[in-house]
Amino acid sequence: MLNYIVWRVNPEIFSIPSDIWLVGGLEIRWYGLLFALSFIFGYYFMQKMFRHEGVSDKVLDELTTYMIIFTILGARLGHCFFYEPDYYLAHPIEILKIWEGGLASHGAAIGILLGLYFFSRKNNKPYLWTLDRVVIVVALAGFFIRTGNLMNSEIFGNVTTLPWGFYFVNYYDPEYTTDPRHPTQIYEGLSYLLLFFFLYRYYWKHEGHPKQGMIFGYFLTILFSVRFLIEFIKVPQVGFEEHMTLNMGQWLSIPFILIGIFLLYWSNKRTEPTPAPKK
């Protein structure tokens, strides 16, 4: 009986050759589909919360636009400047080639924070009110994204002898396909899914009016603590991390964890919950 799992899933769902698709070949990949599903399901759950609080779908549509733009920009720029700044500063046109891979969740987090700040100011809503609701579906999106990483056979862990280790047949570097690896995509994805259920239940348990900052504080503390711990068994994303006691992902997680702990303390000290604003 095998003591590991052979993973040879094709990251491409299907493709249309260039002689049929007149403007060039078209590929539909699992990662892209799952990325799109994260916004579709996120919209559904946000709509339920917004309608419960009397906020119009028009405002939600605008919020979704901000989220898509700033998530992609933040994730791409985060990868380029956190992990490979020398290369991308020397080849700035390469930053635009998102289809070649390279998105960083910490960069996405920063991009989302900026995007929601601009959205909140434009729509005259408290910043923490917006964050408390959006991070619920961001946790769900994290599940979809990590599942996409699994379908791409990327961002996996170190060698393991555990029976659920994955042998990633399709990974492009033979150095990392000789031994079963920790499926860290699954570890993270399931953690984010559980976090989504916890936050969503917390929101409804408080009838849509939790103390401002409490959900956001839980999100930051739990999600980035999980990231920090799983990074110990992850293969480094770039070469310079190999000799670091804590890798780049862990250093970037620490400020988010501290902010989350502070928000939980600050929010818990509030004696009265702040009612959600209505349009």
C-alpha atoms as a PDB file:
ATOM      1  CA  MET A   1       0.000   0.000   0.000  1.00  0.00           C
ATOM      2  CA  LEU A   2       1.413   3.386  -0.996  1.00  0.00           C
ATOM      3  CA  ASN A   3       2.480   5.629   1.859  1.00  0.00           C
ATOM      4  CA  TYR A   4       1.882   8.813  -0.143  1.00  0.00           C
ATOM      5  CA  ILE A   5      -0.596  10.312  -2.614  1.00  0.00           C
ATOM      6  CA  VAL A   6       0.364  10.697  -6.281  1.00  0.00           C
ATOM      7  CA  TRP A   7      -0.934  14.075  -7.508  1.00  0.00           C
ATOM      8  CA  ARG A   8      -0.939  14.453 -11.281  1.00  0.00           C
ATOM      9  CA  VAL A   9      -3.969  16.694 -11.849  1.00  0.00           C
ATOM     10  CA  ASN A  10      -3.753  18.783 -15.021  1.00  0.00           C
ATOM     11  CA  PRO A  11      -3.999  22.494 -14.048  1.00  0.00           C
ATOM     12  CA  GLU A  12      -5.737  23.143 -17.366  1.00  0.00           C
ATOM     13  CA  ILE A  13      -9.445  22.241 -17.560  1.00  0.00           C
ATOM     14  CA  PHE A  14      -9.627  22.617 -21.329  1.00  0.00           C
ATOM     15  CA  SER A  15      -8.192  24.727 -24.139  1.00  0.00           C
ATOM     16  CA  ILE A  16      -9.326  26.012 -27.507  1.00  0.00           C
ATOM     17  CA  PRO A  17      -6.563  25.991 -30.152  1.00  0.00           C
ATOM     18  CA  SER A  18      -5.700  29.148 -32.053  1.00  0.00           C
ATOM     19  CA  ASP A  19      -7.059  27.820 -35.356  1.00  0.00           C
ATOM     20  CA  ILE A  20     -10.543  27.678 -33.774  1.00  0.00           C
ATOM     21  CA  TRP A  21     -10.277  30.671 -31.424  1.00  0.00           C
ATOM     22  CA  LEU A  22      -9.412  33.375 -33.957  1.00  0.00           C
ATOM     23  CA  VAL A  23      -7.615  35.706 -31.552  1.00  0.00           C
ATOM     24  CA  GLY A  24      -5.174  33.046 -30.325  1.00  0.00           C
ATOM     25  CA  GLY A  25      -5.306  29.997 -28.087  1.00  0.00           C
ATOM     26  CA  LEU A  26      -7.627  30.075 -25.088  1.00  0.00           C
ATOM     27  CA  GLU A  27      -6.954  28.145 -21.869  1.00  0.00           C
ATOM     28  CA  ILE A  28      -9.340  27.641 -18.975  1.00  0.00           C
ATOM     29  CA  ARG A  29      -7.415  26.679 -15.849  1.00  0.00           C
ATOM     30  CA  TRP A  30      -8.559  25.475 -12.441  1.00  0.00           C
ATOM     31  CA  TYR A  31      -6.797  28.375 -10.705  1.00  0.00           C
ATOM     32  CA  GLY A  32      -8.648  30.988 -12.746  1.00  0.00           C
ATOM     33  CA  LEU A  33     -11.985  29.247 -12.240  1.00  0.00           C
ATOM     34  CA  LEU A  34     -11.489  28.988  -8.483  1.00  0.00           C
ATOM     35  CA  PHE A  35     -10.338  32.607  -8.300  1.00  0.00           C
ATOM     36  CA  ALA A  36     -13.550  33.663 -10.067  1.00  0.00           C
ATOM     37  CA  LEU A  37     -15.658  31.452  -7.784  1.00  0.00           C
ATOM     38  CA  SER A  38     -14.173  33.203  -4.756  1.00  0.00           C
ATOM     39  CA  PHE A  39     -15.754  36.467  -5.936  1.00  0.00           C
ATOM     40  CA  ILE A  40     -19.050  34.836  -6.932  1.00  0.00           C
ATOM     41  CA  PHE A  41     -19.549  33.159  -3.561  1.00  0.00           C
ATOM     42  CA  GLY A  42     -18.185  36.207  -1.765  1.00  0.00           C
ATOM     43  CA  TYR A  43     -20.775  38.385  -3.510  1.00  0.00           C
ATOM     44  CA  TYR A  44     -23.546  35.998  -2.452  1.00  0.00           C
ATOM     45  CA  PHE A  45     -22.668  36.058   1.243  1.00  0.00           C
ATOM     46  CA  MET A  46     -21.973  39.796   1.265  1.00  0.00           C
ATOM     47  CA  GLN A  47     -25.348  40.408  -0.348  1.00  0.00           C
ATOM     48  CA  LYS A  48     -27.082  38.518   2.451  1.00  0.00           C
ATOM     49  CA  MET A  49     -25.309  40.627   5.072  1.00  0.00           C
ATOM     50  CA  PHE A  50     -25.800  43.944   3.264  1.00  0.00           C
ATOM     51  CA  ARG A  51     -29.509  43.346   2.667  1.00  0.00           C
ATOM     52  CA  HIS A  52     -29.933  42.400   6.315  1.00  0.00           C
ATOM     53  CA  GLU A  53     -28.479  45.797   7.235  1.00  0.00           C
ATOM     54  CA  GLY A  54     -30.412  47.751   4.614  1.00  0.00           C
ATOM     55  CA  VAL A  55     -27.462  48.453   2.299  1.00  0.00           C
ATOM     56  CA  SER A  56     -28.297  48.514  -1.416  1.00  0.00           C
ATOM     57  CA  ASP A  57     -26.927  46.148  -4.055  1.00  0.00           C
ATOM     58  CA  LYS A  58     -25.515  49.185  -5.875  1.00  0.00           C
ATOM     59  CA  VAL A  59     -23.132  49.799  -2.980  1.00  0.00           C
ATOM     60  CA  LEU A  60     -22.197  46.118  -2.972  1.00  0.00           C
ATOM     61  CA  ASP A  61     -21.452  46.220  -6.713  1.00  0.00           C
ATOM     62  CA  GLU A  62     -19.129  49.152  -6.152  1.00  0.00           C
ATOM     63  CA  LEU A  63     -17.450  47.344  -3.263  1.00  0.00           C
ATOM     64  CA  THR A  64     -16.928  44.263  -5.456  1.00  0.00           C
ATOM     65  CA  THR A  65     -15.243  46.384  -8.121  1.00  0.00           C
ATOM     66  CA  TYR A  66     -12.867  47.862  -5.544  1.00  0.00           C
ATOM     67  CA  MET A  67     -12.116  44.385  -4.180  1.00  0.00           C
ATOM     68  CA  ILE A  68     -11.285  42.845  -7.564  1.00  0.00           C
ATOM     69  CA  ILE A  69      -9.015  45.678  -8.662  1.00  0.00           C
ATOM     70  CA  PHE A  70      -7.118  46.146  -5.406  1.00  0.00           C
ATOM     71  CA  THR A  71      -6.811  42.418  -4.666  1.00  0.00           C
ATOM     72  CA  ILE A  72      -5.143  41.715  -8.006  1.00  0.00           C
ATOM     73  CA  LEU A  73      -2.940  44.823  -7.867  1.00  0.00           C
ATOM     74  CA  GLY A  74      -1.876  44.187  -4.285  1.00  0.00           C
ATOM     75  CA  ALA A  75      -1.209  40.481  -4.787  1.00  0.00           C
ATOM     76  CA  ARG A  76       0.888  41.068  -7.898  1.00  0.00           C
ATOM     77  CA  LEU A  77       2.874  44.034  -6.580  1.00  0.00           C
ATOM     78  CA  GLY A  78       3.363  42.234  -3.266  1.00  0.00           C
ATOM     79  CA  HIS A  79       4.996  39.266  -4.981  1.00  0.00           C
ATOM     80  CA  CYS A  80       7.152  41.479  -7.188  1.00  0.00           C
ATOM     81  CA  PHE A  81       8.477  43.775  -4.460  1.00  0.00           C
ATOM     82  CA  PHE A  82       8.456  41.519  -1.383  1.00  0.00           C
ATOM     83  CA  TYR A  83      10.040  38.467  -2.997  1.00  0.00           C
ATOM     84  CA  GLU A  84      11.873  39.471  -6.198  1.00  0.00           C
ATOM     85  CA  PRO A  85      12.375  43.272  -6.163  1.00  0.00           C
ATOM     86  CA  ASP A  86      15.735  43.265  -7.952  1.00  0.00           C
ATOM     87  CA  TYR A  87      14.375  41.340 -10.931  1.00  0.00           C
ATOM     88  CA  TYR A  88      11.155  43.302 -11.346  1.00  0.00           C
ATOM     89  CA  LEU A  89      12.773  46.691 -10.833  1.00  0.00           C
ATOM     90  CA  ALA A  90      15.181  45.752 -13.611  1.00  0.00           C
ATOM     91  CA  HIS A  91      12.358  44.371 -15.794  1.00  0.00           C
ATOM     92  CA  PRO A  92       9.251  46.449 -14.905  1.00  0.00           C
ATOM     93  CA  ILE A  93       7.269  45.241 -17.941  1.00  0.00           C
ATOM     94  CA  GLU A  94       7.305  41.746 -16.386  1.00  0.00           C
ATOM     95  CA  ILE A  95       5.095  43.029 -13.552  1.00  0.00           C
ATOM     96  CA  LEU A  96       2.187  43.091 -16.015  1.00  0.00           C
ATOM     97  CA  LYS A  97       2.525  39.381 -16.865  1.00  0.00           C
ATOM     98  CA  ILE A  98       0.195  38.082 -14.173  1.00  0.00           C
ATOM     99  CA  TRP A  99      -0.644  35.012 -16.267  1.00  0.00           C
ATOM    100  CA  GLU A 100       2.910  33.721 -15.719  1.00  0.00           C
ATOM    101  CA  GLY A 101       2.256  33.406 -11.960  1.00  0.00           C
ATOM    102  CA  GLY A 102       3.373  35.318  -8.907  1.00  0.00           C
ATOM    103  CA  LEU A 103       0.706  36.536  -6.481  1.00  0.00           C
ATOM    104  CA  ALA A 104       1.383  37.166  -2.774  1.00  0.00           C
ATOM    105  CA  SER A 105      -1.367  36.905  -0.167  1.00  0.00           C
ATOM    106  CA  HIS A 106       0.295  39.528   2.047  1.00  0.00           C
ATOM    107  CA  GLY A 107       0.313  41.929  -0.886  1.00  0.00           C
ATOM    108  CA  ALA A 108      -3.348  41.115  -1.521  1.00  0.00           C
ATOM    109  CA  ALA A 109      -4.090  41.912   2.141  1.00  0.00           C
ATOM    110  CA  ILE A 110      -2.439  45.330   1.842  1.00  0.00           C
ATOM    111  CA  GLY A 111      -4.223  45.987  -1.454  1.00  0.00           C
ATOM    112  CA  ILE A 112      -7.594  45.079   0.075  1.00  0.00           C
ATOM    113  CA  LEU A 113      -6.982  47.345   3.067  1.00  0.00           C
ATOM    114  CA  LEU A 114      -6.230  50.275   0.756  1.00  0.00           C
ATOM    115  CA  GLY A 115      -9.143  49.561  -1.538  1.00  0.00           C
ATOM    116  CA  LEU A 116     -11.615  49.330   1.341  1.00  0.00           C
ATOM    117  CA  TYR A 117     -10.293  52.580   2.804  1.00  0.00           C
ATOM    118  CA  PHE A 118     -11.085  54.423  -0.440  1.00  0.00           C
ATOM    119  CA  PHE A 119     -14.456  52.678  -0.693  1.00  0.00           C
ATOM    120  CA  SER A 120     -15.386  53.587   2.893  1.00  0.00           C
ATOM    121  CA  ARG A 121     -14.482  57.231   2.430  1.00  0.00           C
ATOM    122  CA  LYS A 122     -16.408  57.494  -0.827  1.00  0.00           C
ATOM    123  CA  ASN A 123     -19.522  55.884   0.657  1.00  0.00           C
ATOM    124  CA  ASN A 124     -19.293  57.570   4.071  1.00  0.00           C
ATOM    125  CA  LYS A 125     -19.058  54.323   6.042  1.00  0.00           C
ATOM    126  CA  PRO A 126     -16.835  53.560   9.043  1.00  0.00           C
ATOM    127  CA  TYR A 127     -13.676  51.799   7.918  1.00  0.00           C
ATOM    128  CA  LEU A 128     -13.966  49.073  10.557  1.00  0.00           C
ATOM    129  CA  TRP A 129     -17.605  48.462   9.624  1.00  0.00           C
ATOM    130  CA  THR A 130     -16.490  47.657   6.075  1.00  0.00           C
ATOM    131  CA  LEU A 131     -13.531  45.549   7.163  1.00  0.00           C
ATOM    132  CA  ASP A 132     -15.590  43.481   9.599  1.00  0.00           C
ATOM    133  CA  ARG A 133     -17.864  42.327   6.801  1.00  0.00           C
ATOM    134  CA  VAL A 134     -15.441  41.955   3.934  1.00  0.00           C
ATOM    135  CA  VAL A 135     -12.894  39.794   5.779  1.00  0.00           C
ATOM    136  CA  ILE A 136     -15.576  37.133   6.297  1.00  0.00           C
ATOM    137  CA  VAL A 137     -15.666  36.415   2.578  1.00  0.00           C
ATOM    138  CA  VAL A 138     -11.920  37.024   2.219  1.00  0.00           C
ATOM    139  CA  ALA A 139     -11.406  33.974   4.448  1.00  0.00           C
ATOM    140  CA  LEU A 140     -13.609  31.983   2.063  1.00  0.00           C
ATOM    141  CA  ALA A 141     -11.639  33.320  -0.907  1.00  0.00           C
ATOM    142  CA  GLY A 142      -8.458  32.072   0.765  1.00  0.00           C
ATOM    143  CA  PHE A 143      -9.898  28.555   0.654  1.00  0.00           C
ATOM    144  CA  PHE A 144     -10.546  28.824  -3.100  1.00  0.00           C
ATOM    145  CA  ILE A 145      -7.117  30.306  -3.815  1.00  0.00           C
ATOM    146  CA  ARG A 146      -5.236  27.608  -1.920  1.00  0.00           C
ATOM    147  CA  THR A 147      -7.309  24.968  -3.709  1.00  0.00           C
ATOM    148  CA  GLY A 148      -6.178  26.604  -6.948  1.00  0.00           C
ATOM    149  CA  ASN A 149      -2.565  26.347  -5.772  1.00  0.00           C
ATOM    150  CA  LEU A 150      -3.143  22.629  -5.172  1.00  0.00           C
ATOM    151  CA  MET A 151      -4.476  22.193  -8.728  1.00  0.00           C
ATOM    152  CA  ASN A 152      -1.345  23.988  -9.983  1.00  0.00           C
ATOM    153  CA  SER A 153       0.938  21.752  -7.871  1.00  0.00           C
ATOM    154  CA  GLU A 154       2.578  24.835  -6.326  1.00  0.00           C
ATOM    155  CA  ILE A 155       3.346  26.321  -2.900  1.00  0.00           C
ATOM    156  CA  PHE A 156       3.748  22.962  -1.210  1.00  0.00           C
ATOM    157  CA  GLY A 157       5.673  21.895   1.867  1.00  0.00           C
ATOM    158  CA  ASN A 158       8.836  20.100   2.864  1.00  0.00           C
ATOM    159  CA  VAL A 159       9.482  16.382   2.565  1.00  0.00           C
ATOM    160  CA  THR A 160       7.287  14.225   4.801  1.00  0.00           C
ATOM    161  CA  THR A 161       6.893  10.529   5.604  1.00  0.00           C
ATOM    162  CA  LEU A 162       3.264  10.999   6.649  1.00  0.00           C
ATOM    163  CA  PRO A 163       0.792   8.872   4.670  1.00  0.00           C
ATOM    164  CA  TRP A 164      -0.980  11.936   3.283  1.00  0.00           C
ATOM    165  CA  GLY A 165       2.191  13.360   1.735  1.00  0.00           C
ATOM    166  CA  PHE A 166       1.719  14.409  -1.901  1.00  0.00           C
ATOM    167  CA  TYR A 167       4.007  13.405  -4.773  1.00  0.00           C
ATOM    168  CA  PHE A 168       3.556  16.373  -7.150  1.00  0.00           C
ATOM    169  CA  VAL A 169       4.173  14.769 -10.546  1.00  0.00           C
ATOM    170  CA  ASN A 170       3.463  17.877 -12.622  1.00  0.00           C
ATOM    171  CA  TYR A 171       5.689  20.305 -10.756  1.00  0.00           C
ATOM    172  CA  TYR A 172       8.250  21.753 -13.142  1.00  0.00           C
ATOM    173  CA  ASP A 173      11.336  21.403 -10.916  1.00  0.00           C
ATOM    174  CA  PRO A 174      12.442  17.745 -10.539  1.00  0.00           C
ATOM    175  CA  GLU A 175      14.258  18.664  -7.309  1.00  0.00           C
ATOM    176  CA  TYR A 176      10.894  18.886  -5.579  1.00  0.00           C
ATOM    177  CA  THR A 177       9.207  15.827  -7.122  1.00  0.00           C
ATOM    178  CA  THR A 178      11.532  13.112  -5.827  1.00  0.00           C
ATOM    179  CA  ASP A 179       9.875  12.861  -2.419  1.00  0.00           C
ATOM    180  CA  PRO A 180       6.346  13.230  -0.998  1.00  0.00           C
ATOM    181  CA  ARG A 181       5.673  16.710   0.355  1.00  0.00           C
ATOM    182  CA  HIS A 182       3.371  18.269   2.917  1.00  0.00           C
ATOM    183  CA  PRO A 183       0.214  19.423   1.049  1.00  0.00           C
ATOM    184  CA  THR A 184       0.360  22.808   2.739  1.00  0.00           C
ATOM    185  CA  GLN A 185      -2.229  24.114   0.269  1.00  0.00           C
ATOM    186  CA  ILE A 186      -4.753  21.788   1.915  1.00  0.00           C
ATOM    187  CA  TYR A 187      -3.634  22.714   5.437  1.00  0.00           C
ATOM    188  CA  GLU A 188      -4.111  26.404   4.718  1.00  0.00           C
ATOM    189  CA  GLY A 189      -7.241  26.012   2.624  1.00  0.00           C
ATOM    190  CA  LEU A 190      -9.105  24.028   5.287  1.00  0.00           C
ATOM    191  CA  SER A 191      -7.950  26.476   7.982  1.00  0.00           C
ATOM    192  CA  TYR A 192      -9.361  29.393   5.989  1.00  0.00           C
ATOM    193  CA  LEU A 193     -12.625  27.545   5.372  1.00  0.00           C
ATOM    194  CA  LEU A 194     -13.051  26.909   9.105  1.00  0.00           C
ATOM    195  CA  LEU A 195     -12.224  30.558   9.776  1.00  0.00           C
ATOM    196  CA  PHE A 196     -14.947  31.605   7.317  1.00  0.00           C
ATOM    197  CA  PHE A 197     -17.550  29.466   9.098  1.00  0.00           C
ATOM    198  CA  PHE A 198     -16.474  30.868  12.482  1.00  0.00           C
ATOM    199  CA  LEU A 199     -16.631  34.517  11.381  1.00  0.00           C
ATOM    200  CA  TYR A 200     -19.884  34.119   9.461  1.00  0.00           C
ATOM    201  CA  ARG A 201     -21.545  32.442  12.437  1.00  0.00           C
ATOM    202  CA  TYR A 202     -20.174  35.145  14.755  1.00  0.00           C
ATOM    203  CA  TYR A 203     -21.720  37.844  12.554  1.00  0.00           C
ATOM    204  CA  TRP A 204     -25.201  36.279  12.657  1.00  0.00           C
ATOM    205  CA  LYS A 205     -24.904  35.318  16.315  1.00  0.00           C
ATOM    206  CA  HIS A 206     -24.703  39.065  16.998  1.00  0.00           C
ATOM    207  CA  GLU A 207     -27.610  39.718  14.593  1.00  0.00           C
ATOM    208  CA  GLY A 208     -25.453  41.596  12.132  1.00  0.00           C
ATOM    209  CA  HIS A 209     -24.274  44.135  14.711  1.00  0.00           C
ATOM    210  CA  PRO A 210     -21.010  42.863  16.234  1.00  0.00           C
ATOM    211  CA  LYS A 211     -18.727  45.269  18.033  1.00  0.00           C
ATOM    212  CA  GLN A 212     -16.694  47.198  15.499  1.00  0.00           C
ATOM    213  CA  GLY A 213     -13.280  45.677  14.958  1.00  0.00           C
ATOM    214  CA  MET A 214     -14.017  42.339  16.628  1.00  0.00           C
ATOM    215  CA  ILE A 215     -14.457  40.288  13.437  1.00  0.00           C
ATOM    216  CA  PHE A 216     -11.508  41.998  11.771  1.00  0.00           C
ATOM    217  CA  GLY A 217      -9.403  41.347  14.867  1.00  0.00           C
ATOM    218  CA  TYR A 218     -10.302  37.645  14.882  1.00  0.00           C
ATOM    219  CA  PHE A 219      -9.549  37.447  11.171  1.00  0.00           C
ATOM    220  CA  LEU A 220      -6.081  38.993  11.416  1.00  0.00           C
ATOM    221  CA  THR A 221      -5.057  37.065  14.517  1.00  0.00           C
ATOM    222  CA  ILE A 222      -6.225  33.632  13.392  1.00  0.00           C
ATOM    223  CA  LEU A 223      -5.429  33.763   9.684  1.00  0.00           C
ATOM    224  CA  PHE A 224      -1.920  35.133  10.003  1.00  0.00           C
ATOM    225  CA  SER A 225      -1.117  32.913  12.983  1.00  0.00           C
ATOM    226  CA  VAL A 226      -2.014  29.944  10.784  1.00  0.00           C
ATOM    227  CA  ARG A 227       0.154  31.368   7.995  1.00  0.00           C
ATOM    228  CA  PHE A 228       3.038  31.914  10.413  1.00  0.00           C
ATOM    229  CA  LEU A 229       2.951  28.313  11.688  1.00  0.00           C
ATOM    230  CA  ILE A 230       2.506  26.609   8.314  1.00  0.00           C
ATOM    231  CA  GLU A 231       5.440  28.555   6.861  1.00  0.00           C
ATOM    232  CA  PHE A 232       7.749  26.404   9.030  1.00  0.00           C
ATOM    233  CA  ILE A 233       7.029  23.397   6.814  1.00  0.00           C
ATOM    234  CA  LYS A 234       6.769  25.217   3.471  1.00  0.00           C
ATOM    235  CA  VAL A 235       9.338  25.157   0.695  1.00  0.00           C
ATOM    236  CA  PRO A 236      10.830  28.688   0.386  1.00  0.00           C
ATOM    237  CA  GLN A 237       9.278  30.673  -2.442  1.00  0.00           C
ATOM    238  CA  VAL A 238      12.537  32.403  -3.344  1.00  0.00           C
ATOM    239  CA  GLY A 239      16.196  31.531  -2.811  1.00  0.00           C
ATOM    240  CA  PHE A 240      17.113  34.171  -0.230  1.00  0.00           C
ATOM    241  CA  GLU A 241      14.613  32.689   2.266  1.00  0.00           C
ATOM    242  CA  GLU A 242      16.548  29.428   2.614  1.00  0.00           C
ATOM    243  CA  HIS A 243      18.985  30.883   5.146  1.00  0.00           C
ATOM    244  CA  MET A 244      16.470  32.927   7.141  1.00  0.00           C
ATOM    245  CA  THR A 245      15.337  31.849  10.610  1.00  0.00           C
ATOM    246  CA  LEU A 246      11.911  33.265   9.788  1.00  0.00           C
ATOM    247  CA  ASN A 247      11.023  33.552   6.112  1.00  0.00           C
ATOM    248  CA  MET A 248       9.512  36.568   4.387  1.00  0.00           C
ATOM    249  CA  GLY A 249       5.950  35.294   4.802  1.00  0.00           C
ATOM    250  CA  GLN A 250       6.448  34.968   8.573  1.00  0.00           C
ATOM    251  CA  TRP A 251       7.980  38.430   8.965  1.00  0.00           C
ATOM    252  CA  LEU A 252       5.084  39.902   7.006  1.00  0.00           C
ATOM    253  CA  SER A 253       2.567  38.005   9.173  1.00  0.00           C
ATOM    254  CA  ILE A 254       3.814  39.345  12.519  1.00  0.00           C
ATOM    255  CA  PRO A 255       2.483  42.936  12.137  1.00  0.00           C
ATOM    256  CA  PHE A 256      -0.952  41.624  11.096  1.00  0.00           C
ATOM    257  CA  ILE A 257      -1.072  39.320  14.144  1.00  0.00           C
ATOM    258  CA  LEU A 258      -0.167  42.172  16.506  1.00  0.00           C
ATOM    259  CA  ILE A 259      -2.765  44.479  14.962  1.00  0.00           C
ATOM    260  CA  GLY A 260      -5.360  41.723  15.295  1.00  0.00           C
ATOM    261  CA  ILE A 261      -4.595  41.189  18.989  1.00  0.00           C
ATOM    262  CA  PHE A 262      -4.812  44.935  19.619  1.00  0.00           C
ATOM    263  CA  LEU A 263      -8.188  45.149  17.831  1.00  0.00           C
ATOM    264  CA  LEU A 264      -9.599  42.277  19.883  1.00  0.00           C
ATOM    265  CA  TYR A 265      -8.514  44.003  23.089  1.00  0.00           C
ATOM    266  CA  TRP A 266      -9.777  47.418  21.959  1.00  0.00           C
ATOM    267  CA  SER A 267     -13.101  46.095  20.703  1.00  0.00           C
ATOM    268  CA  ASN A 268     -13.697  43.999  23.812  1.00  0.00           C
ATOM    269  CA  LYS A 269     -13.278  47.097  25.995  1.00  0.00           C
ATOM    270  CA  ARG A 270     -16.169  48.800  24.200  1.00  0.00           C
ATOM    271  CA  THR A 271     -19.267  48.668  26.372  1.00  0.00           C
ATOM    272  CA  GLU A 272     -21.828  49.001  23.597  1.00  0.00           C
ATOM    273  CA  PRO A 273     -21.800  47.587  20.059  1.00  0.00           C
ATOM    274  CA  THR A 274     -21.982  50.199  17.325  1.00  0.00           C
ATOM    275  CA  PRO A 275     -25.077  49.770  15.132  1.00  0.00           C
ATOM    276  CA  ALA A 276     -24.321  49.110  11.473  1.00  0.00           C
ATOM    277  CA  PRO A 277     -25.029  52.163   9.341  1.00  0.00           C
ATOM    278  CA  LYS A 278     -27.930  52.045   6.911  1.00  0.00           C
ATOM    279  CA  LYS A 279     -27.994  53.661   3.552  1.00  0.00           C
END
